[in-house]
Protein backbone atom coordinates (compact mmCIF):
# COMPACT_ATOMS: atom_id res chain seq x y z
CA MET A 1 0.00 0.00 0.00
CA PRO A 2 1.21 3.66 -0.46
CA THR A 3 2.87 4.94 2.68
CA ALA A 4 3.24 8.21 4.49
CA GLY A 5 5.10 10.96 2.69
CA ALA A 6 8.88 11.16 2.89
CA THR A 7 10.55 13.53 5.27
CA PRO A 8 12.54 16.13 3.28
CA THR A 9 15.95 16.19 4.92
CA ALA A 10 19.55 15.71 3.93
CA GLY A 11 22.88 15.46 5.68
CA LEU A 12 25.19 13.17 7.59
CA ILE A 13 24.03 10.46 9.97
CA PRO A 14 24.03 11.93 13.47
CA PRO A 15 26.31 10.51 16.15
CA ALA A 16 24.91 7.99 18.61
CA ALA A 17 25.79 10.17 21.60
CA PRO A 18 22.89 11.37 23.81
CA ILE A 19 21.25 14.58 22.65
CA ALA A 20 21.82 17.50 24.93
CA ALA A 21 18.74 18.86 26.66
CA ALA A 22 19.68 22.34 25.52
CA GLN A 23 19.13 21.53 21.86
CA SER A 24 16.51 23.57 20.07
CA PRO A 25 13.40 21.92 18.60
CA GLU A 26 14.82 22.39 15.10
CA GLU A 27 18.03 20.60 16.08
CA LEU A 28 16.08 17.74 17.65
CA LEU A 29 13.87 17.56 14.58
CA ARG A 30 16.82 17.43 12.19
CA THR A 31 18.43 14.66 14.21
CA GLY A 32 15.36 12.46 13.90
CA GLN A 33 14.96 13.27 10.21
CA ARG A 34 18.53 12.26 9.52
CA TRP A 35 17.96 8.92 11.19
CA LEU A 36 14.90 8.42 8.97
CA ASP A 37 16.95 9.28 5.89
CA ALA A 38 19.58 6.77 7.03
CA GLY A 39 16.91 4.05 7.25
CA ASN A 40 17.24 3.66 11.03
CA SER A 41 13.62 4.07 12.12
CA ALA A 42 14.26 2.83 15.67
CA ALA A 43 16.84 5.59 16.25
CA ALA A 44 14.44 8.09 14.68
CA VAL A 45 11.74 7.01 17.16
CA ARG A 46 14.12 7.63 20.06
CA SER A 47 15.06 11.05 18.70
CA PHE A 48 11.47 12.13 18.13
CA ARG A 49 10.49 10.91 21.62
CA ARG A 50 13.04 13.34 23.00
CA LEU A 51 11.49 16.04 20.84
CA VAL A 52 8.00 15.21 22.16
CA GLU A 53 9.26 15.25 25.75
CA ALA A 54 10.85 18.67 25.28
CA PHE A 55 8.35 20.27 22.86
CA PRO A 56 5.05 18.33 22.82
CA ASP A 57 3.42 20.19 19.96
CA SER A 58 1.56 18.85 16.92
CA ARG A 59 4.67 18.70 14.75
CA ALA A 60 6.62 16.65 17.30
CA HIS A 61 3.82 14.10 17.67
CA TYR A 62 3.44 13.93 13.88
CA TYR A 63 7.10 13.10 13.27
CA LEU A 64 7.07 10.56 16.10
CA GLY A 65 4.02 8.94 14.49
CA VAL A 66 5.75 8.79 11.09
CA ALA A 67 8.83 7.19 12.66
CA LEU A 68 6.73 4.65 14.54
CA LEU A 69 4.94 3.79 11.31
CA ARG A 70 8.26 3.29 9.54
CA ASP A 71 9.39 1.14 12.46
CA GLY A 72 6.46 -1.24 12.04
CA ARG A 73 4.54 -0.06 15.13
CA PRO A 74 1.26 1.17 13.63
CA ALA A 75 -0.85 1.04 16.82
CA GLU A 76 1.61 3.34 18.61
CA ALA A 77 1.75 5.51 15.49
CA VAL A 78 -2.04 5.94 15.65
CA ASP A 79 -1.78 7.25 19.21
CA SER A 80 0.92 9.78 18.28
CA LEU A 81 -0.85 10.90 15.14
CA ARG A 82 -4.15 11.32 16.98
CA ARG A 83 -2.34 13.61 19.44
CA ALA A 84 -0.85 15.52 16.54
CA GLU A 85 -4.32 15.87 15.02
CA ALA A 86 -5.78 17.19 18.29
CA LEU A 87 -3.02 19.78 18.63
CA ALA A 88 -2.87 20.86 14.99
CA PRO A 89 -3.96 24.46 14.35
CA ALA A 90 -5.49 23.42 11.00
CA GLU A 91 -6.34 20.31 9.03
CA ASN A 92 -3.20 18.81 7.47
CA PRO A 93 -3.44 16.38 4.51
CA ALA A 94 -0.01 14.87 5.26
CA LEU A 95 -1.14 14.11 8.80
CA SER A 96 -4.39 12.60 7.51
CA LEU A 97 -2.48 10.40 5.07
CA SER A 98 -0.16 9.12 7.79
CA LEU A 99 -3.03 8.55 10.23
CA GLY A 100 -5.09 6.71 7.62
CA THR A 101 -2.07 4.53 6.80
CA ALA A 102 -1.44 3.77 10.48
CA LEU A 103 -5.10 2.87 11.07
CA LEU A 104 -5.11 0.57 8.06
CA ARG A 105 -1.91 -1.18 9.12
CA SER A 106 -3.16 -1.59 12.67
CA GLY A 107 -6.22 -3.48 11.41
CA ASP A 108 -8.80 -0.69 11.55
CA PRO A 109 -9.88 -0.14 7.92
CA GLU A 110 -13.23 1.37 8.93
CA ASN A 111 -11.65 4.33 10.69
CA ALA A 112 -8.96 4.52 8.00
CA VAL A 113 -11.68 5.00 5.40
CA SER A 114 -13.32 7.70 7.52
CA VAL A 115 -10.09 9.68 7.99
CA LEU A 116 -9.02 9.35 4.37
CA ARG A 117 -12.46 10.09 2.92
CA GLU A 118 -12.62 13.37 4.86
CA ALA A 119 -9.12 14.31 3.69
CA VAL A 120 -9.94 13.50 0.07
CA ASP A 121 -13.07 15.63 0.25
CA ARG A 122 -11.05 18.54 1.65
CA HIS A 123 -8.17 18.12 -0.83
CA PRO A 124 -9.45 16.91 -4.22
CA PRO A 125 -7.04 16.66 -7.15
CA SER A 126 -8.41 19.92 -8.60
CA ASN A 127 -7.19 21.78 -5.51
CA SER A 128 -3.75 23.02 -6.56
CA HIS A 129 -2.74 23.60 -2.94
CA ALA A 130 -2.95 19.87 -2.23
CA ASP A 131 -1.99 18.43 -5.62
CA SER A 132 1.12 16.73 -4.23
CA LEU A 133 -0.96 14.72 -1.75
CA ALA A 134 -4.33 14.44 -3.50
CA VAL A 135 -3.40 11.32 -5.48
CA PRO A 136 -1.67 9.52 -2.56
CA LEU A 137 -4.80 10.20 -0.47
CA LEU A 138 -7.00 8.71 -3.20
CA LEU A 139 -4.72 5.69 -3.53
CA GLN A 140 -4.72 5.01 0.19
CA LEU A 141 -8.49 5.45 0.37
CA GLY A 142 -8.93 3.03 -2.52
CA TYR A 143 -6.66 0.50 -0.84
CA ALA A 144 -8.55 0.92 2.44
CA HIS A 145 -11.81 0.07 0.65
CA TYR A 146 -10.06 -2.89 -0.99
CA SER A 147 -8.88 -4.11 2.43
CA ARG A 148 -12.50 -3.94 3.62
CA LEU A 149 -13.43 -6.19 0.67
CA ASP A 150 -15.45 -3.34 -0.81
CA GLY A 151 -14.34 -3.69 -4.41
CA GLU A 152 -16.91 -1.33 -5.89
CA SER A 153 -15.94 1.57 -3.63
CA ALA A 154 -12.26 0.84 -4.22
CA ARG A 155 -12.80 0.83 -7.98
CA SER A 156 -14.66 4.15 -7.91
CA VAL A 157 -11.93 5.91 -5.93
CA LEU A 158 -9.11 4.39 -7.99
CA LEU A 159 -10.73 5.44 -11.25
CA GLU A 160 -10.64 8.97 -9.86
CA ALA A 161 -6.96 8.55 -8.97
CA ARG A 162 -6.19 7.25 -12.46
CA ALA A 163 -7.94 10.22 -14.06
CA ALA A 164 -5.95 12.60 -11.86
CA ALA A 165 -2.57 10.94 -12.54
CA PRO A 166 -2.71 8.83 -15.72
CA GLU A 167 1.09 8.58 -15.95
CA ASN A 168 1.50 7.29 -12.40
CA PRO A 169 1.61 3.46 -12.41
CA LEU A 170 0.15 3.09 -8.91
CA PRO A 171 -3.47 4.02 -9.75
CA HIS A 172 -3.39 1.46 -12.56
CA PHE A 173 -1.90 -1.21 -10.28
CA TYR A 174 -4.42 -0.74 -7.48
CA LEU A 175 -7.28 -0.41 -9.95
CA GLY A 176 -6.21 -3.78 -11.32
CA LEU A 177 -6.43 -5.27 -7.83
CA ALA A 178 -9.94 -3.89 -7.38
CA GLU A 179 -11.08 -5.11 -10.81
CA ALA A 180 -9.68 -8.58 -10.14
CA ALA A 181 -11.38 -8.71 -6.73
CA LEU A 182 -14.66 -7.98 -8.51
CA GLY A 183 -14.00 -10.81 -10.98
CA ARG A 184 -13.51 -8.35 -13.86
CA LEU A 185 -10.41 -10.07 -15.22
CA LEU A 186 -10.16 -8.37 -18.62
CA PRO A 187 -10.27 -4.83 -17.15
CA ALA A 188 -7.85 -6.01 -14.45
CA ALA A 189 -5.40 -7.29 -17.06
CA ALA A 190 -5.69 -4.00 -18.98
CA ALA A 191 -4.96 -1.99 -15.83
CA PHE A 192 -1.96 -4.16 -14.92
CA ARG A 193 -0.62 -3.92 -18.48
CA GLU A 194 -0.69 -0.14 -18.25
CA ALA A 195 1.11 -0.30 -14.90
CA VAL A 196 3.77 -2.52 -16.50
CA ARG A 197 4.15 -0.07 -19.38
CA LEU A 198 4.71 2.78 -16.95
CA ASP A 199 6.94 0.83 -14.54
CA PRO A 200 8.41 -2.16 -16.44
CA GLY A 201 11.05 -2.88 -13.80
CA ASN A 202 8.54 -3.48 -11.01
CA PRO A 203 8.26 -7.26 -10.40
CA GLU A 204 5.16 -6.89 -8.23
CA VAL A 205 3.22 -5.37 -11.10
CA ARG A 206 4.38 -8.06 -13.54
CA VAL A 207 3.38 -10.82 -11.12
CA ALA A 208 -0.08 -9.27 -10.74
CA LEU A 209 -0.47 -9.25 -14.51
CA GLY A 210 0.84 -12.82 -14.72
CA ARG A 211 -1.70 -14.05 -12.17
CA THR A 212 -4.55 -12.37 -14.00
CA LEU A 213 -3.46 -13.80 -17.36
CA SER A 214 -3.20 -17.23 -15.75
CA ARG A 215 -6.78 -16.92 -14.49
CA LEU A 216 -7.77 -16.04 -18.07
CA ASP A 217 -6.07 -19.30 -19.26
CA ARG A 218 -3.46 -17.29 -21.19
CA SER A 219 -0.61 -19.36 -19.82
CA GLU A 220 2.13 -18.40 -22.27
CA GLU A 221 1.54 -14.70 -21.71
CA ALA A 222 1.50 -15.29 -17.96
CA ARG A 223 4.78 -17.20 -18.17
CA ARG A 224 6.42 -14.33 -20.02
CA GLU A 225 5.41 -11.90 -17.28
CA TYR A 226 6.73 -14.16 -14.52
CA GLU A 227 10.01 -14.65 -16.38
CA ALA A 228 10.35 -10.92 -16.94
CA ALA A 229 9.80 -10.34 -13.22
CA ILE A 230 12.54 -12.85 -12.36
CA GLN A 231 14.89 -11.36 -14.94
CA GLY A 232 14.54 -7.97 -13.29
CA ALA A 233 14.48 -9.33 -9.74
CA PRO A 234 16.23 -12.72 -9.60
CA GLY A 235 14.73 -15.03 -7.01
CA TRP A 236 11.47 -13.06 -6.70
CA PRO A 237 9.35 -15.60 -4.75
CA ALA A 238 5.91 -14.65 -6.08
CA ALA A 239 7.08 -14.97 -9.69
CA LEU A 240 8.70 -18.35 -8.99
CA VAL A 241 5.48 -19.57 -7.37
CA GLY A 242 3.53 -18.35 -10.39
CA LEU A 243 5.80 -20.32 -12.72
CA GLY A 244 5.44 -23.38 -10.53
CA MET A 245 1.66 -23.13 -10.64
CA LEU A 246 1.76 -22.98 -14.44
CA ASP A 247 4.02 -26.05 -14.53
CA LEU A 248 1.66 -27.95 -12.22
CA ARG A 249 -1.28 -27.09 -14.40
CA GLU A 250 0.62 -28.20 -17.49
CA GLY A 251 1.54 -31.55 -15.94
CA ASP A 252 5.21 -30.97 -15.14
CA PRO A 253 5.52 -31.49 -11.35
CA GLU A 254 9.32 -31.77 -11.53
CA ALA A 255 9.70 -28.26 -12.96
CA ALA A 256 7.02 -27.04 -10.56
CA ALA A 257 8.86 -28.45 -7.54
CA ALA A 258 12.08 -26.77 -8.66
CA SER A 259 10.34 -23.40 -8.88
CA PHE A 260 8.72 -23.79 -5.46
CA GLU A 261 12.03 -24.82 -3.89
CA ASN A 262 13.75 -21.81 -5.42
CA ALA A 263 11.03 -19.57 -4.00
CA LEU A 264 11.53 -21.09 -0.55
CA ARG A 265 15.26 -20.40 -0.68
CA GLU A 266 14.37 -16.72 -0.84
CA ALA A 267 11.31 -16.87 1.45
CA PRO A 268 11.36 -20.01 3.66
CA ARG A 269 7.95 -19.19 5.19
CA HIS A 270 6.13 -18.62 1.88
CA ARG A 271 2.89 -20.52 2.51
CA GLN A 272 1.78 -20.89 -1.09
CA ALA A 273 5.19 -22.23 -2.08
CA LEU A 274 5.11 -24.75 0.78
CA TYR A 275 1.56 -25.88 0.06
CA ASN A 276 2.17 -26.38 -3.65
CA LEU A 277 5.59 -27.92 -3.20
CA ALA A 278 3.92 -30.65 -1.13
CA ALA A 279 1.43 -31.23 -3.97
CA ALA A 280 4.21 -31.42 -6.57
CA LEU A 281 6.26 -33.85 -4.45
CA SER A 282 3.21 -36.08 -4.00
CA LEU A 283 2.74 -36.19 -7.77
CA LEU A 284 6.40 -37.21 -8.06
CA GLY A 285 5.85 -40.05 -5.58
CA GLN A 286 8.06 -38.46 -2.90
CA ASP A 287 5.52 -38.99 -0.13
CA GLU A 288 7.82 -38.68 2.89
CA LYS A 289 9.29 -35.41 1.66
CA ALA A 290 5.79 -34.16 0.82
CA ALA A 291 4.61 -34.97 4.36
CA GLU A 292 7.55 -33.04 5.84
CA VAL A 293 6.74 -30.01 3.68
CA ARG A 294 3.08 -30.21 4.77
CA ARG A 295 4.21 -30.15 8.40
CA ARG A 296 6.27 -27.05 7.66
CA PHE A 297 3.25 -25.46 5.97
CA HIS A 298 0.96 -26.10 8.96
CA THR A 299 3.60 -24.79 11.38
CA VAL A 300 4.03 -21.57 9.40
CA ALA A 301 0.28 -21.13 8.88
CA GLY A 302 -0.35 -21.58 12.61
CA GLU A 303 2.40 -19.16 13.63
CA ASP A 304 1.25 -16.51 11.16
CA ALA A 305 -2.42 -16.65 12.21
CA PRO A 306 -3.55 -14.04 14.79
CA GLU A 307 -4.74 -15.21 18.19
CA GLY A 308 -8.00 -17.07 17.70
CA GLY A 309 -7.26 -17.70 14.02
CA ARG A 310 -7.95 -15.65 10.93
CA ARG A 311 -11.55 -14.51 10.64
CA ALA A 312 -13.53 -15.86 7.72
CA GLY A 313 -13.17 -13.50 4.80
CA GLN A 314 -10.39 -11.49 6.46
CA PRO A 315 -7.73 -10.70 3.83
CA ARG A 316 -4.14 -11.64 4.49
CA ALA A 317 -1.52 -8.92 4.39
CA ARG A 318 -0.70 -7.99 0.83
CA PRO A 319 2.75 -6.97 -0.33
CA THR A 320 3.21 -3.37 -1.31
CA PRO A 321 4.71 -2.77 -4.74
CA ARG A 322 7.83 -0.67 -5.12
CA ARG A 323 6.71 2.94 -5.20
CA PRO A 324 7.76 4.91 -8.28
CA GLU A 325 8.34 8.61 -7.92
CA GLN A 326 5.07 10.47 -7.38
């Protein structure tokens, strides 16, 4: 899914020494931003906590929330971003985007939709003041609807995003997901093809197109997309699994097993690769090895399920494609 906007900073990585209490808010802010730029979200969280302790204004809570989100702590990010929202002197689309993202990642798509819908209404693409965030807001709102299994609403929003930014591959990609969820495979394939045209080096987009073509029984075209994904990103697990599924369907369990095993070298907990590798091994008469792979599958599936198991109809986490420049 699209994520919160980048923090515009530049400079050297700050030293690990404790930050002096006498630092100004701008100095504390820059320290945290540099950690974010360096890819060290945990250090950024620590820096922004110091900023919040010293200067607990809306901006400090916002940057702490962004860092927590980057650090994979969406529930804590929601708390910080809600504080930032309460303290903000005016509505801020960047804050709304981050809050909607945090709510979605923390498993609260209903409130994510509410926050994002209000922000979209306040900052439509025609509003030049918010043009830089209007499309990301639409994309995140569309993905929130998709996560709620509301394909029609997702499609409507993503069509709006595509109209606003026809040269951005992301609206096409997410529109393809919505179309496929609605069973509209030909429009889905068309949307994914356009995303591939605009971002040919993105393996996630090629795999999505390959899966759709496979569902349309256009196996050779699907195979070409999977192979192109692997050529650009060697070892890409989803593409290897896609190839293995084609080989299984075409009656070549040996080639299928090789693809699934290659996928598992890159992603040992890949459930689809484990499940289908067991099927391929059974077809090859390797029953003991198939049984061992099934045990691995059930172990991984049990460990990945939330407490109490996955609710019926609840979507699993979906990978986020590489984000091209907005």
